[in-house]
């Protein structure tokens, strides 16, 4: 009985989230690093189709460029995690949740958060995938 996923155990059910933040989108920065706006330049682990723009959803890791912020951060690339999106996210309970803006928090290459706190709410989908974000967020919706 040697299967490919036999050591994993039971795979939990992962809900589908519509990817609504394409490459070149300008989103807000939700942490206290000083950066104001970020531009998405790459979506990590995106499998797409020819001619389709890579897009991200809540909880996805993306590479961003700081567009507005302090001079030492501007025009530099960082990793970031999407914590809010305007497009409705459907939960297993049947509810749909939307946020006022698209927002992300900056991350270090080691997977730690660059800032020390998060402004505004964080989607539960992002908090369960990234425990460091869950620890530093004030409200998880």
Protein backbone atom coordinates (compact mmCIF):
# COMPACT_ATOMS: atom_id res chain seq x y z
CA UNK A 1 0.00 0.00 0.00
CA UNK A 2 2.39 2.66 -1.17
CA UNK A 3 0.51 5.72 -2.34
CA UNK A 4 1.81 9.13 -3.17
CA UNK A 5 -0.04 10.88 -0.34
CA UNK A 6 -0.13 8.06 2.22
CA UNK A 7 2.16 9.83 4.71
CA UNK A 8 0.11 13.04 4.65
CA UNK A 9 -3.02 11.72 6.28
CA UNK A 10 -6.42 13.21 5.56
CA UNK A 11 -6.25 16.23 3.26
CA UNK A 12 -8.46 19.01 4.62
CA UNK A 13 -11.04 20.61 2.35
CA UNK A 14 -9.71 23.87 0.87
CA UNK A 15 -12.33 26.27 -0.43
CA UNK A 16 -11.88 28.00 -3.76
CA UNK A 17 -11.24 31.75 -3.56
CA UNK A 18 -11.62 33.83 -6.72
CA UNK A 19 -8.31 35.41 -7.65
CA UNK A 20 -9.23 39.07 -7.99
CA UNK A 21 -5.87 40.90 -7.68
CA UNK A 22 -3.97 40.63 -10.98
CA UNK A 23 -0.35 41.57 -11.64
CA UNK A 24 0.17 45.37 -11.92
CA UNK A 25 -2.55 46.05 -9.29
CA UNK A 26 -1.78 48.80 -6.79
CA UNK A 27 -2.89 47.78 -3.29
CA UNK A 28 -2.56 49.30 0.17
CA UNK A 29 0.01 48.20 2.74
CA UNK A 30 -1.69 47.11 5.97
CA UNK A 31 1.30 47.06 8.32
CA UNK A 32 3.40 49.67 10.12
CA UNK A 33 6.57 49.44 8.00
CA UNK A 34 5.90 52.91 6.56
CA UNK A 35 4.97 51.76 3.06
CA UNK A 36 1.64 53.17 1.83
CA UNK A 37 0.95 51.53 -1.54
CA UNK A 38 2.34 48.39 -3.16
CA UNK A 39 2.25 47.13 -6.75
CA UNK A 40 1.91 43.38 -7.34
CA UNK A 41 4.61 42.21 -9.76
CA UNK A 42 4.50 38.42 -9.37
CA UNK A 43 2.22 35.78 -7.84
CA UNK A 44 4.11 32.91 -6.23
CA UNK A 45 3.16 29.35 -7.22
CA UNK A 46 0.66 30.57 -9.83
CA UNK A 47 -0.25 28.04 -12.49
CA UNK A 48 -1.95 29.82 -15.34
CA UNK A 49 -2.75 29.66 -19.00
CA UNK A 50 -1.17 31.34 -22.03
CA UNK A 51 -2.30 34.95 -22.27
CA UNK A 52 -3.83 35.03 -18.78
CA UNK A 53 -2.51 37.51 -16.24
CA UNK A 54 -1.37 35.93 -12.99
CA UNK A 55 -3.71 36.92 -10.18
CA UNK A 56 -3.77 36.53 -6.39
CA UNK A 57 -6.43 36.02 -3.74
CA UNK A 58 -6.60 36.30 0.05
CA UNK A 59 -3.80 34.34 1.71
CA UNK A 60 -1.57 34.18 -1.39
CA UNK A 61 2.11 35.11 -1.33
CA UNK A 62 3.06 37.75 -3.92
CA UNK A 63 6.11 39.83 -4.80
CA UNK A 64 5.50 43.56 -4.61
CA UNK A 65 7.25 46.87 -5.27
CA UNK A 66 6.71 49.73 -2.82
CA UNK A 67 5.21 52.64 -4.79
CA UNK A 68 4.57 55.15 -1.99
CA UNK A 69 6.47 55.24 1.27
CA UNK A 70 9.80 56.24 2.82
CA UNK A 71 12.74 56.64 0.41
CA UNK A 72 14.60 53.63 1.82
CA UNK A 73 11.65 51.32 0.95
CA UNK A 74 10.56 52.86 -2.37
CA UNK A 75 11.31 51.01 -5.62
CA UNK A 76 12.42 47.89 -3.72
CA UNK A 77 10.88 44.45 -4.10
CA UNK A 78 9.54 42.51 -1.13
CA UNK A 79 7.45 39.44 -0.50
CA UNK A 80 3.92 40.13 0.75
CA UNK A 81 0.78 38.25 1.75
CA UNK A 82 -2.69 39.42 0.69
CA UNK A 83 -4.85 39.93 3.81
CA UNK A 84 -7.95 41.65 2.30
CA UNK A 85 -9.70 41.72 -1.08
CA UNK A 86 -12.71 43.67 -2.34
CA UNK A 87 -14.16 40.78 -4.34
CA UNK A 88 -16.49 38.57 -2.23
CA UNK A 89 -14.96 35.49 -0.60
CA UNK A 90 -17.43 32.64 -0.10
CA UNK A 91 -17.16 30.78 3.20
CA UNK A 92 -18.17 27.15 3.83
CA UNK A 93 -21.13 28.42 5.89
CA UNK A 94 -22.52 30.06 2.73
CA UNK A 95 -21.74 33.62 3.80
CA UNK A 96 -19.84 35.95 1.52
CA UNK A 97 -17.41 38.45 3.00
CA UNK A 98 -16.06 41.58 1.30
CA UNK A 99 -13.60 44.23 2.44
CA UNK A 100 -13.31 47.94 1.62
CA UNK A 101 -9.90 47.61 -0.02
CA UNK A 102 -7.27 45.22 -1.33
CA UNK A 103 -4.41 45.07 1.18
CA UNK A 104 -1.23 43.15 1.91
CA UNK A 105 1.48 42.96 4.59
CA UNK A 106 5.21 42.87 3.82
CA UNK A 107 7.17 39.72 4.64
CA UNK A 108 10.88 38.90 4.98
CA UNK A 109 12.42 36.08 2.89
CA UNK A 110 12.39 33.86 6.02
CA UNK A 111 8.59 34.12 6.28
CA UNK A 112 8.46 36.57 9.19
CA UNK A 113 6.46 39.79 9.06
CA UNK A 114 8.44 42.98 8.39
CA UNK A 115 6.13 45.14 10.53
CA UNK A 116 5.05 44.69 14.14
CA UNK A 117 1.28 45.21 13.82
CA UNK A 118 -1.47 45.14 11.20
CA UNK A 119 -3.89 48.01 10.53
CA UNK A 120 -7.48 46.96 9.90
CA UNK A 121 -9.12 43.52 9.75
CA UNK A 122 -7.54 40.36 8.35
CA UNK A 123 -9.44 37.65 6.49
CA UNK A 124 -9.61 34.32 8.33
CA UNK A 125 -8.38 32.55 5.18
CA UNK A 126 -5.07 34.46 5.36
CA UNK A 127 -4.79 34.05 9.14
CA UNK A 128 -5.10 30.26 9.06
CA UNK A 129 -2.45 29.91 6.33
CA UNK A 130 0.03 32.33 7.96
CA UNK A 131 0.27 31.93 11.78
CA UNK A 132 2.59 34.96 12.16
CA UNK A 133 -0.10 37.17 10.60
CA UNK A 134 -2.74 35.68 12.93
CA UNK A 135 -0.60 36.52 16.00
CA UNK A 136 -0.08 40.16 15.05
CA UNK A 137 -3.55 41.00 13.72
CA UNK A 138 -5.99 42.82 16.00
CA UNK A 139 -9.19 41.62 14.29
CA UNK A 140 -9.71 38.47 12.24
CA UNK A 141 -12.91 38.48 10.20
